[in-house]
Amino acid sequence: MTAGYSCAVVQGDWCFVSGTTGYDYTTVTMPDSVEDQTRNCLATIGVENIVRCHYYVTDPAFADRVFPILGKTFGTVRPAATMIVCDLIRPEMLIEIEVTALRRT
């Protein structure tokens, strides 16, 4: 990989997952909607015991569209979270999600 990073790093009981975009890796396509991209991000991450999330979106209006998906996914877990509005590397990317998980014993 030319970028020189890991998709995830595990250190002891901690798991740090790099920013994950909404590609559907079974078809290697990017959905058009931020909702579908959000679902794909979460499916790709698939990590349990998430304690911290950073959400990067390209439009502030996306917050109201993805909050219900995030709420349903995390349920009562309710990780600490921050949403940042910014540009992403490719124009088709509407959301990127980065998480930190802590293994529960």
PDB file of N, CA and C in Angstrom:
ATOM      1  N   MET A   1       0.851  -1.176   0.000  1.00  0.00           N
ATOM      2  CA  MET A   1       0.000   0.000   0.000  1.00  0.00           C
ATOM      3  C   MET A   1       0.896   1.237   0.000  1.00  0.00           C
ATOM      4  N   THR A   2       0.635   2.152  -0.879  1.00  0.00           N
ATOM      5  CA  THR A   2       1.490   3.330  -1.021  1.00  0.00           C
ATOM      6  C   THR A   2       1.259   4.383   0.049  1.00  0.00           C
ATOM      7  N   ALA A   3       0.096   4.398   0.677  1.00  0.00           N
ATOM      8  CA  ALA A   3      -0.212   5.441   1.666  1.00  0.00           C
ATOM      9  C   ALA A   3       0.501   5.211   2.992  1.00  0.00           C
ATOM     10  N   GLY A   4       0.971   4.015   3.253  1.00  0.00           N
ATOM     11  CA  GLY A   4       1.701   3.730   4.477  1.00  0.00           C
ATOM     12  C   GLY A   4       0.859   3.787   5.732  1.00  0.00           C
ATOM     13  N   TYR A   5      -0.257   3.094   5.742  1.00  0.00           N
ATOM     14  CA  TYR A   5      -1.099   3.063   6.939  1.00  0.00           C
ATOM     15  C   TYR A   5      -1.720   1.676   7.078  1.00  0.00           C
ATOM     16  N   SER A   6      -2.283   1.410   8.242  1.00  0.00           N
ATOM     17  CA  SER A   6      -2.997   0.158   8.496  1.00  0.00           C
ATOM     18  C   SER A   6      -4.487   0.445   8.563  1.00  0.00           C
ATOM     19  N   CYS A   7      -5.278  -0.484   8.080  1.00  0.00           N
ATOM     20  CA  CYS A   7      -6.739  -0.341   8.195  1.00  0.00           C
ATOM     21  C   CYS A   7      -7.172  -0.387   9.652  1.00  0.00           C
ATOM     22  N   ALA A   8      -6.435  -1.150  10.439  1.00  0.00           N
ATOM     23  CA  ALA A   8      -6.712  -1.235  11.869  1.00  0.00           C
ATOM     24  C   ALA A   8      -5.437  -1.648  12.591  1.00  0.00           C
ATOM     25  N   VAL A   9      -5.315  -1.190  13.831  1.00  0.00           N
ATOM     26  CA  VAL A   9      -4.186  -1.550  14.675  1.00  0.00           C
ATOM     27  C   VAL A   9      -4.753  -2.004  16.015  1.00  0.00           C
ATOM     28  N   VAL A  10      -4.294  -3.169  16.474  1.00  0.00           N
ATOM     29  CA  VAL A  10      -4.687  -3.676  17.784  1.00  0.00           C
ATOM     30  C   VAL A  10      -3.493  -3.543  18.709  1.00  0.00           C
ATOM     31  N   GLN A  11      -3.717  -2.911  19.838  1.00  0.00           N
ATOM     32  CA  GLN A  11      -2.676  -2.729  20.843  1.00  0.00           C
ATOM     33  C   GLN A  11      -3.278  -3.103  22.188  1.00  0.00           C
ATOM     34  N   GLY A  12      -2.910  -4.242  22.699  1.00  0.00           N
ATOM     35  CA  GLY A  12      -3.490  -4.719  23.952  1.00  0.00           C
ATOM     36  C   GLY A  12      -4.990  -4.925  23.780  1.00  0.00           C
ATOM     37  N   ASP A  13      -5.772  -4.297  24.635  1.00  0.00           N
ATOM     38  CA  ASP A  13      -7.229  -4.407  24.554  1.00  0.00           C
ATOM     39  C   ASP A  13      -7.862  -3.369  23.642  1.00  0.00           C
ATOM     40  N   TRP A  14      -7.038  -2.530  23.022  1.00  0.00           N
ATOM     41  CA  TRP A  14      -7.533  -1.457  22.167  1.00  0.00           C
ATOM     42  C   TRP A  14      -7.458  -1.839  20.698  1.00  0.00           C
ATOM     43  N   CYS A  15      -8.453  -1.385  19.938  1.00  0.00           N
ATOM     44  CA  CYS A  15      -8.460  -1.549  18.479  1.00  0.00           C
ATOM     45  C   CYS A  15      -8.764  -0.182  17.870  1.00  0.00           C
ATOM     46  N   PHE A  16      -7.848   0.291  17.031  1.00  0.00           N
ATOM     47  CA  PHE A  16      -7.985   1.583  16.378  1.00  0.00           C
ATOM     48  C   PHE A  16      -8.245   1.330  14.893  1.00  0.00           C
ATOM     49  N   VAL A  17      -9.432   1.684  14.419  1.00  0.00           N
ATOM     50  CA  VAL A  17      -9.817   1.437  13.029  1.00  0.00           C
ATOM     51  C   VAL A  17      -9.710   2.744  12.253  1.00  0.00           C
ATOM     52  N   SER A  18      -8.933   2.705  11.176  1.00  0.00           N
ATOM     53  CA  SER A  18      -8.761   3.884  10.327  1.00  0.00           C
ATOM     54  C   SER A  18     -10.080   4.302   9.705  1.00  0.00           C
ATOM     55  N   GLY A  19     -10.096   5.518   9.187  1.00  0.00           N
ATOM     56  CA  GLY A  19     -11.277   6.006   8.490  1.00  0.00           C
ATOM     57  C   GLY A  19     -11.713   5.028   7.407  1.00  0.00           C
ATOM     58  N   THR A  20     -12.993   4.693   7.431  1.00  0.00           N
ATOM     59  CA  THR A  20     -13.566   3.708   6.516  1.00  0.00           C
ATOM     60  C   THR A  20     -14.653   4.386   5.709  1.00  0.00           C
ATOM     61  N   THR A  21     -14.578   4.248   4.395  1.00  0.00           N
ATOM     62  CA  THR A  21     -15.564   4.877   3.518  1.00  0.00           C
ATOM     63  C   THR A  21     -16.643   3.882   3.121  1.00  0.00           C
ATOM     64  N   GLY A  22     -17.631   4.364   2.388  1.00  0.00           N
ATOM     65  CA  GLY A  22     -18.844   3.604   2.125  1.00  0.00           C
ATOM     66  C   GLY A  22     -18.845   2.688   0.915  1.00  0.00           C
ATOM     67  N   TYR A  23     -17.677   2.297   0.427  1.00  0.00           N
ATOM     68  CA  TYR A  23     -17.653   1.363  -0.704  1.00  0.00           C
ATOM     69  C   TYR A  23     -18.316   0.052  -0.344  1.00  0.00           C
ATOM     70  N   ASP A  24     -18.988  -0.523  -1.298  1.00  0.00           N
ATOM     71  CA  ASP A  24     -19.499  -1.884  -1.183  1.00  0.00           C
ATOM     72  C   ASP A  24     -18.391  -2.762  -1.751  1.00  0.00           C
ATOM     73  N   TYR A  25     -17.647  -3.427  -0.893  1.00  0.00           N
ATOM     74  CA  TYR A  25     -16.472  -4.170  -1.341  1.00  0.00           C
ATOM     75  C   TYR A  25     -16.812  -5.489  -2.034  1.00  0.00           C
ATOM     76  N   THR A  26     -18.079  -5.909  -1.996  1.00  0.00           N
ATOM     77  CA  THR A  26     -18.459  -7.091  -2.772  1.00  0.00           C
ATOM     78  C   THR A  26     -18.611  -6.751  -4.255  1.00  0.00           C
ATOM     79  N   THR A  27     -18.997  -5.506  -4.539  1.00  0.00           N
ATOM     80  CA  THR A  27     -19.155  -5.076  -5.930  1.00  0.00           C
ATOM     81  C   THR A  27     -18.138  -4.008  -6.320  1.00  0.00           C
ATOM     82  N   VAL A  28     -17.354  -3.544  -5.357  1.00  0.00           N
ATOM     83  CA  VAL A  28     -16.377  -2.467  -5.538  1.00  0.00           C
ATOM     84  C   VAL A  28     -17.032  -1.247  -6.192  1.00  0.00           C
ATOM     85  N   THR A  29     -18.186  -0.870  -5.624  1.00  0.00           N
ATOM     86  CA  THR A  29     -18.915   0.307  -6.083  1.00  0.00           C
ATOM     87  C   THR A  29     -19.231   1.190  -4.879  1.00  0.00           C
ATOM     88  N   MET A  30     -19.486   2.443  -5.173  1.00  0.00           N
ATOM     89  CA  MET A  30     -19.854   3.400  -4.133  1.00  0.00           C
ATOM     90  C   MET A  30     -21.313   3.776  -4.330  1.00  0.00           C
ATOM     91  N   PRO A  31     -22.166   3.517  -3.331  1.00  0.00           N
ATOM     92  CA  PRO A  31     -23.566   3.937  -3.446  1.00  0.00           C
ATOM     93  C   PRO A  31     -23.663   5.459  -3.556  1.00  0.00           C
ATOM     94  N   ASP A  32     -24.768   5.918  -4.110  1.00  0.00           N
ATOM     95  CA  ASP A  32     -24.982   7.355  -4.275  1.00  0.00           C
ATOM     96  C   ASP A  32     -25.452   8.040  -2.996  1.00  0.00           C
ATOM     97  N   SER A  33     -26.141   7.322  -2.125  1.00  0.00           N
ATOM     98  CA  SER A  33     -26.738   7.976  -0.953  1.00  0.00           C
ATOM     99  C   SER A  33     -25.826   7.877   0.269  1.00  0.00           C
ATOM    100  N   VAL A  34     -25.871   8.909   1.096  1.00  0.00           N
ATOM    101  CA  VAL A  34     -25.088   8.911   2.329  1.00  0.00           C
ATOM    102  C   VAL A  34     -25.598   7.834   3.281  1.00  0.00           C
ATOM    103  N   GLU A  35     -26.881   7.518   3.212  1.00  0.00           N
ATOM    104  CA  GLU A  35     -27.429   6.471   4.074  1.00  0.00           C
ATOM    105  C   GLU A  35     -26.810   5.114   3.733  1.00  0.00           C
ATOM    106  N   ASP A  36     -26.774   4.776   2.440  1.00  0.00           N
ATOM    107  CA  ASP A  36     -26.187   3.495   2.029  1.00  0.00           C
ATOM    108  C   ASP A  36     -24.685   3.471   2.294  1.00  0.00           C
ATOM    109  N   GLN A  37     -24.017   4.597   2.100  1.00  0.00           N
ATOM    110  CA  GLN A  37     -22.595   4.654   2.392  1.00  0.00           C
ATOM    111  C   GLN A  37     -22.343   4.440   3.890  1.00  0.00           C
ATOM    112  N   THR A  38     -23.201   5.012   4.725  1.00  0.00           N
ATOM    113  CA  THR A  38     -23.071   4.836   6.174  1.00  0.00           C
ATOM    114  C   THR A  38     -23.224   3.378   6.552  1.00  0.00           C
ATOM    115  N   ARG A  39     -24.239   2.726   6.006  1.00  0.00           N
ATOM    116  CA  ARG A  39     -24.449   1.296   6.292  1.00  0.00           C
ATOM    117  C   ARG A  39     -23.234   0.477   5.855  1.00  0.00           C
ATOM    118  N   ASN A  40     -22.669   0.798   4.696  1.00  0.00           N
ATOM    119  CA  ASN A  40     -21.494   0.069   4.216  1.00  0.00           C
ATOM    120  C   ASN A  40     -20.289   0.304   5.117  1.00  0.00           C
ATOM    121  N   CYS A  41     -20.093   1.547   5.552  1.00  0.00           N
ATOM    122  CA  CYS A  41     -18.989   1.835   6.486  1.00  0.00           C
ATOM    123  C   CYS A  41     -19.104   0.953   7.718  1.00  0.00           C
ATOM    124  N   LEU A  42     -20.273   0.938   8.306  1.00  0.00           N
ATOM    125  CA  LEU A  42     -20.479   0.187   9.540  1.00  0.00           C
ATOM    126  C   LEU A  42     -20.332  -1.311   9.325  1.00  0.00           C
ATOM    127  N   ALA A  43     -20.801  -1.811   8.188  1.00  0.00           N
ATOM    128  CA  ALA A  43     -20.653  -3.241   7.882  1.00  0.00           C
ATOM    129  C   ALA A  43     -19.187  -3.604   7.681  1.00  0.00           C
ATOM    130  N   THR A  44     -18.437  -2.734   7.033  1.00  0.00           N
ATOM    131  CA  THR A  44     -17.013  -2.984   6.815  1.00  0.00           C
ATOM    132  C   THR A  44     -16.257  -2.962   8.137  1.00  0.00           C
ATOM    133  N   ILE A  45     -16.564  -2.000   8.987  1.00  0.00           N
ATOM    134  CA  ILE A  45     -15.884  -1.897  10.286  1.00  0.00           C
ATOM    135  C   ILE A  45     -16.204  -3.117  11.128  1.00  0.00           C
ATOM    136  N   GLY A  46     -17.466  -3.408  11.324  1.00  0.00           N
ATOM    137  CA  GLY A  46     -17.900  -4.614  12.021  1.00  0.00           C
ATOM    138  C   GLY A  46     -17.266  -4.859  13.384  1.00  0.00           C
ATOM    139  N   VAL A  47     -16.754  -3.843  14.024  1.00  0.00           N
ATOM    140  CA  VAL A  47     -16.082  -4.014  15.309  1.00  0.00           C
ATOM    141  C   VAL A  47     -17.091  -3.875  16.440  1.00  0.00           C
ATOM    142  N   GLU A  48     -16.939  -4.715  17.447  1.00  0.00           N
ATOM    143  CA  GLU A  48     -17.777  -4.600  18.636  1.00  0.00           C
ATOM    144  C   GLU A  48     -17.044  -3.772  19.691  1.00  0.00           C
ATOM    145  N   ASN A  49     -17.754  -3.410  20.722  1.00  0.00           N
ATOM    146  CA  ASN A  49     -17.167  -2.694  21.857  1.00  0.00           C
ATOM    147  C   ASN A  49     -16.596  -1.332  21.476  1.00  0.00           C
ATOM    148  N   ILE A  50     -17.259  -0.644  20.564  1.00  0.00           N
ATOM    149  CA  ILE A  50     -16.804   0.678  20.134  1.00  0.00           C
ATOM    150  C   ILE A  50     -17.037   1.684  21.251  1.00  0.00           C
ATOM    151  N   VAL A  51     -15.992   2.458  21.547  1.00  0.00           N
ATOM    152  CA  VAL A  51     -16.098   3.465  22.604  1.00  0.00           C
ATOM    153  C   VAL A  51     -15.953   4.890  22.077  1.00  0.00           C
ATOM    154  N   ARG A  52     -15.423   5.038  20.850  1.00  0.00           N
ATOM    155  CA  ARG A  52     -15.206   6.377  20.283  1.00  0.00           C
ATOM    156  C   ARG A  52     -15.399   6.318  18.784  1.00  0.00           C
ATOM    157  N   CYS A  53     -16.116   7.325  18.228  1.00  0.00           N
ATOM    158  CA  CYS A  53     -16.338   7.423  16.782  1.00  0.00           C
ATOM    159  C   CYS A  53     -16.036   8.839  16.312  1.00  0.00           C
ATOM    160  N   HIS A  54     -15.453   8.911  15.133  1.00  0.00           N
ATOM    161  CA  HIS A  54     -15.338  10.184  14.422  1.00  0.00           C
ATOM    162  C   HIS A  54     -16.050   9.995  13.095  1.00  0.00           C
ATOM    163  N   TYR A  55     -16.996  10.859  12.818  1.00  0.00           N
ATOM    164  CA  TYR A  55     -17.738  10.828  11.561  1.00  0.00           C
ATOM    165  C   TYR A  55     -17.318  12.040  10.750  1.00  0.00           C
ATOM    166  N   TYR A  56     -16.916  11.814   9.521  1.00  0.00           N
ATOM    167  CA  TYR A  56     -16.535  12.898   8.616  1.00  0.00           C
ATOM    168  C   TYR A  56     -17.562  12.912   7.494  1.00  0.00           C
ATOM    169  N   VAL A  57     -18.303  13.995   7.346  1.00  0.00           N
ATOM    170  CA  VAL A  57     -19.322  14.109   6.305  1.00  0.00           C
ATOM    171  C   VAL A  57     -19.025  15.332   5.442  1.00  0.00           C
ATOM    172  N   THR A  58     -19.483  15.281   4.205  1.00  0.00           N
ATOM    173  CA  THR A  58     -19.195  16.378   3.274  1.00  0.00           C
ATOM    174  C   THR A  58     -20.272  17.447   3.248  1.00  0.00           C
ATOM    175  N   ASP A  59     -21.366  17.231   3.971  1.00  0.00           N
ATOM    176  CA  ASP A  59     -22.473  18.194   3.980  1.00  0.00           C
ATOM    177  C   ASP A  59     -23.120  18.162   5.359  1.00  0.00           C
ATOM    178  N   PRO A  60     -23.288  19.311   6.012  1.00  0.00           N
ATOM    179  CA  PRO A  60     -23.893  19.309   7.338  1.00  0.00           C
ATOM    180  C   PRO A  60     -25.312  18.737   7.355  1.00  0.00           C
ATOM    181  N   ALA A  61     -26.018  18.797   6.230  1.00  0.00           N
ATOM    182  CA  ALA A  61     -27.379  18.248   6.163  1.00  0.00           C
ATOM    183  C   ALA A  61     -27.384  16.728   6.321  1.00  0.00           C
ATOM    184  N   PHE A  62     -26.244  16.081   6.128  1.00  0.00           N
ATOM    185  CA  PHE A  62     -26.174  14.617   6.250  1.00  0.00           C
ATOM    186  C   PHE A  62     -26.364  14.151   7.689  1.00  0.00           C
ATOM    187  N   ALA A  63     -26.097  15.021   8.649  1.00  0.00           N
ATOM    188  CA  ALA A  63     -26.213  14.622  10.054  1.00  0.00           C
ATOM    189  C   ALA A  63     -27.591  14.036  10.346  1.00  0.00           C
ATOM    190  N   ASP A  64     -28.637  14.744   9.984  1.00  0.00           N
ATOM    191  CA  ASP A  64     -29.995  14.266  10.255  1.00  0.00           C
ATOM    192  C   ASP A  64     -30.333  13.002   9.487  1.00  0.00           C
ATOM    193  N   ARG A  65     -29.640  12.746   8.399  1.00  0.00           N
ATOM    194  CA  ARG A  65     -29.905  11.551   7.597  1.00  0.00           C
ATOM    195  C   ARG A  65     -29.185  10.316   8.136  1.00  0.00           C
ATOM    196  N   VAL A  66     -28.027  10.513   8.770  1.00  0.00           N
ATOM    197  CA  VAL A  66     -27.280   9.350   9.262  1.00  0.00           C
ATOM    198  C   VAL A  66     -27.493   9.080  10.750  1.00  0.00           C
ATOM    199  N   PHE A  67     -27.927  10.072  11.517  1.00  0.00           N
ATOM    200  CA  PHE A  67     -28.132   9.848  12.950  1.00  0.00           C
ATOM    201  C   PHE A  67     -29.056   8.659  13.239  1.00  0.00           C
ATOM    202  N   PRO A  68     -30.183   8.490  12.533  1.00  0.00           N
ATOM    203  CA  PRO A  68     -31.024   7.327  12.826  1.00  0.00           C
ATOM    204  C   PRO A  68     -30.311   5.992  12.570  1.00  0.00           C
ATOM    205  N   ILE A  69     -29.470   5.937  11.548  1.00  0.00           N
ATOM    206  CA  ILE A  69     -28.730   4.707  11.240  1.00  0.00           C
ATOM    207  C   ILE A  69     -27.712   4.432  12.339  1.00  0.00           C
ATOM    208  N   LEU A  70     -27.004   5.470  12.766  1.00  0.00           N
ATOM    209  CA  LEU A  70     -26.017   5.305  13.832  1.00  0.00           C
ATOM    210  C   LEU A  70     -26.691   4.921  15.139  1.00  0.00           C
ATOM    211  N   GLY A  71     -27.809   5.569  15.450  1.00  0.00           N
ATOM    212  CA  GLY A  71     -28.545   5.247  16.671  1.00  0.00           C
ATOM    213  C   GLY A  71     -29.022   3.811  16.691  1.00  0.00           C
ATOM    214  N   LYS A  72     -29.517   3.337  15.557  1.00  0.00           N
ATOM    215  CA  LYS A  72     -29.990   1.953  15.468  1.00  0.00           C
ATOM    216  C   LYS A  72     -28.816   0.982  15.588  1.00  0.00           C
ATOM    217  N   THR A  73     -27.703   1.307  14.962  1.00  0.00           N
ATOM    218  CA  THR A  73     -26.538   0.422  14.985  1.00  0.00           C
ATOM    219  C   THR A  73     -25.933   0.320  16.379  1.00  0.00           C
ATOM    220  N   PHE A  74     -25.761   1.449  17.046  1.00  0.00           N
ATOM    221  CA  PHE A  74     -25.090   1.442  18.337  1.00  0.00           C
ATOM    222  C   PHE A  74     -26.027   1.220  19.511  1.00  0.00           C
ATOM    223  N   GLY A  75     -27.327   1.429  19.310  1.00  0.00           N
ATOM    224  CA  GLY A  75     -28.302   1.150  20.362  1.00  0.00           C
ATOM    225  C   GLY A  75     -27.923   1.787  21.683  1.00  0.00           C
ATOM    226  N   THR A  76     -27.787   0.957  22.714  1.00  0.00           N
ATOM    227  CA  THR A  76     -27.478   1.471  24.046  1.00  0.00           C
ATOM    228  C   THR A  76     -25.982   1.639  24.281  1.00  0.00           C
ATOM    229  N   VAL A  77     -25.139   1.291  23.321  1.00  0.00           N
ATOM    230  CA  VAL A  77     -23.687   1.431  23.482  1.00  0.00           C
ATOM    231  C   VAL A  77     -23.314   2.895  23.626  1.00  0.00           C
ATOM    232  N   ARG A  78     -23.818   3.730  22.759  1.00  0.00           N
ATOM    233  CA  ARG A  78     -23.657   5.177  22.812  1.00  0.00           C
ATOM    234  C   ARG A  78     -22.194   5.616  22.990  1.00  0.00           C
ATOM    235  N   PRO A  79     -21.344   5.334  21.982  1.00  0.00           N
ATOM    236  CA  PRO A  79     -19.944   5.742  22.086  1.00  0.00           C
ATOM    237  C   PRO A  79     -19.793   7.264  22.070  1.00  0.00           C
ATOM    238  N   ALA A  80     -18.688   7.747  22.627  1.00  0.00           N
ATOM    239  CA  ALA A  80     -18.355   9.157  22.501  1.00  0.00           C
ATOM    240  C   ALA A  80     -18.137   9.420  21.011  1.00  0.00           C
ATOM    241  N   ALA A  81     -18.641  10.540  20.507  1.00  0.00           N
ATOM    242  CA  ALA A  81     -18.590  10.752  19.062  1.00  0.00           C
ATOM    243  C   ALA A  81     -18.426  12.221  18.703  1.00  0.00           C
ATOM    244  N   THR A  82     -17.835  12.428  17.538  1.00  0.00           N
ATOM    245  CA  THR A  82     -17.676  13.761  16.971  1.00  0.00           C
ATOM    246  C   THR A  82     -18.013  13.671  15.490  1.00  0.00           C
ATOM    247  N   MET A  83     -18.769  14.643  14.974  1.00  0.00           N
ATOM    248  CA  MET A  83     -19.036  14.718  13.540  1.00  0.00           C
ATOM    249  C   MET A  83     -18.377  15.980  13.002  1.00  0.00           C
ATOM    250  N   ILE A  84     -17.623  15.794  11.937  1.00  0.00           N
ATOM    251  CA  ILE A  84     -16.872  16.883  11.324  1.00  0.00           C
ATOM    252  C   ILE A  84     -17.320  17.026   9.874  1.00  0.00           C
ATOM    253  N   VAL A  85     -17.586  18.257   9.446  1.00  0.00           N
ATOM    254  CA  VAL A  85     -17.935  18.522   8.050  1.00  0.00           C
ATOM    255  C   VAL A  85     -16.649  18.918   7.332  1.00  0.00           C
ATOM    256  N   CYS A  86     -16.341  18.202   6.243  1.00  0.00           N
ATOM    257  CA  CYS A  86     -15.082  18.439   5.534  1.00  0.00           C
ATOM    258  C   CYS A  86     -15.159  17.850   4.126  1.00  0.00           C
ATOM    259  N   ASP A  87     -14.145  18.109   3.344  1.00  0.00           N
ATOM    260  CA  ASP A  87     -14.002  17.428   2.060  1.00  0.00           C
ATOM    261  C   ASP A  87     -13.339  16.082   2.312  1.00  0.00           C
ATOM    262  N   LEU A  88     -13.657  15.107   1.469  1.00  0.00           N
ATOM    263  CA  LEU A  88     -12.992  13.810   1.521  1.00  0.00           C
ATOM    264  C   LEU A  88     -12.165  13.631   0.257  1.00  0.00           C
ATOM    265  N   ILE A  89     -11.358  12.598   0.201  1.00  0.00           N
ATOM    266  CA  ILE A  89     -10.372  12.432  -0.870  1.00  0.00           C
ATOM    267  C   ILE A  89     -10.992  12.308  -2.261  1.00  0.00           C
ATOM    268  N   ARG A  90     -12.129  11.637  -2.380  1.00  0.00           N
ATOM    269  CA  ARG A  90     -12.789  11.439  -3.670  1.00  0.00           C
ATOM    270  C   ARG A  90     -14.180  12.067  -3.621  1.00  0.00           C
ATOM    271  N   PRO A  91     -14.614  12.654  -4.724  1.00  0.00           N
ATOM    272  CA  PRO A  91     -15.910  13.354  -4.712  1.00  0.00           C
ATOM    273  C   PRO A  91     -17.108  12.444  -4.446  1.00  0.00           C
ATOM    274  N   GLU A  92     -17.005  11.164  -4.749  1.00  0.00           N
ATOM    275  CA  GLU A  92     -18.135  10.251  -4.515  1.00  0.00           C
ATOM    276  C   GLU A  92     -18.267   9.868  -3.043  1.00  0.00           C
ATOM    277  N   MET A  93     -17.238  10.128  -2.247  1.00  0.00           N
ATOM    278  CA  MET A  93     -17.273   9.807  -0.816  1.00  0.00           C
ATOM    279  C   MET A  93     -18.063  10.875  -0.074  1.00  0.00           C
ATOM    280  N   LEU A  94     -19.101  10.456   0.632  1.00  0.00           N
ATOM    281  CA  LEU A  94     -19.956  11.375   1.373  1.00  0.00           C
ATOM    282  C   LEU A  94     -19.757  11.282   2.874  1.00  0.00           C
ATOM    283  N   ILE A  95     -19.247  10.129   3.341  1.00  0.00           N
ATOM    284  CA  ILE A  95     -19.002   9.922   4.774  1.00  0.00           C
ATOM    285  C   ILE A  95     -17.805   9.000   4.940  1.00  0.00           C
ATOM    286  N   GLU A  96     -17.088   9.230   6.022  1.00  0.00           N
ATOM    287  CA  GLU A  96     -15.991   8.352   6.434  1.00  0.00           C
ATOM    288  C   GLU A  96     -16.118   8.190   7.937  1.00  0.00           C
ATOM    289  N   ILE A  97     -15.949   6.969   8.420  1.00  0.00           N
ATOM    290  CA  ILE A  97     -16.116   6.698   9.849  1.00  0.00           C
ATOM    291  C   ILE A  97     -14.839   6.069  10.395  1.00  0.00           C
ATOM    292  N   GLU A  98     -14.371   6.622  11.502  1.00  0.00           N
ATOM    293  CA  GLU A  98     -13.187   6.109  12.207  1.00  0.00           C
ATOM    294  C   GLU A  98     -13.623   5.735  13.621  1.00  0.00           C
ATOM    295  N   VAL A  99     -13.199   4.571  14.116  1.00  0.00           N
ATOM    296  CA  VAL A  99     -13.629   4.142  15.446  1.00  0.00           C
ATOM    297  C   VAL A  99     -12.462   3.634  16.276  1.00  0.00           C
ATOM    298  N   THR A 100     -12.690   3.663  17.574  1.00  0.00           N
ATOM    299  CA  THR A 100     -11.811   3.040  18.556  1.00  0.00           C
ATOM    300  C   THR A 100     -12.652   2.096  19.378  1.00  0.00           C
ATOM    301  N   ALA A 101     -12.155   0.892  19.576  1.00  0.00           N
ATOM    302  CA  ALA A 101     -12.881  -0.108  20.363  1.00  0.00           C
ATOM    303  C   ALA A 101     -12.006  -0.564  21.517  1.00  0.00           C
ATOM    304  N   LEU A 102     -12.642  -0.950  22.610  1.00  0.00           N
ATOM    305  CA  LEU A 102     -11.958  -1.461  23.791  1.00  0.00           C
ATOM    306  C   LEU A 102     -12.561  -2.813  24.134  1.00  0.00           C
ATOM    307  N   ARG A 103     -11.718  -3.824  24.121  1.00  0.00           N
ATOM    308  CA  ARG A 103     -12.179  -5.184  24.442  1.00  0.00           C
ATOM    309  C   ARG A 103     -12.674  -5.235  25.887  1.00  0.00           C
ATOM    310  N   ARG A 104     -13.838  -5.755  26.060  1.00  0.00           N
ATOM    311  CA  ARG A 104     -14.414  -5.907  27.389  1.00  0.00           C
ATOM    312  C   ARG A 104     -14.106  -7.313  27.890  1.00  0.00           C
ATOM    313  N   THR A 105     -13.689  -7.410  29.136  1.00  0.00           N
ATOM    314  CA  THR A 105     -13.354  -8.731  29.682  1.00  0.00           C
ATOM    315  C   THR A 105     -14.473  -9.272  30.534  1.00  0.00           C
TER     316      THR A 105
END
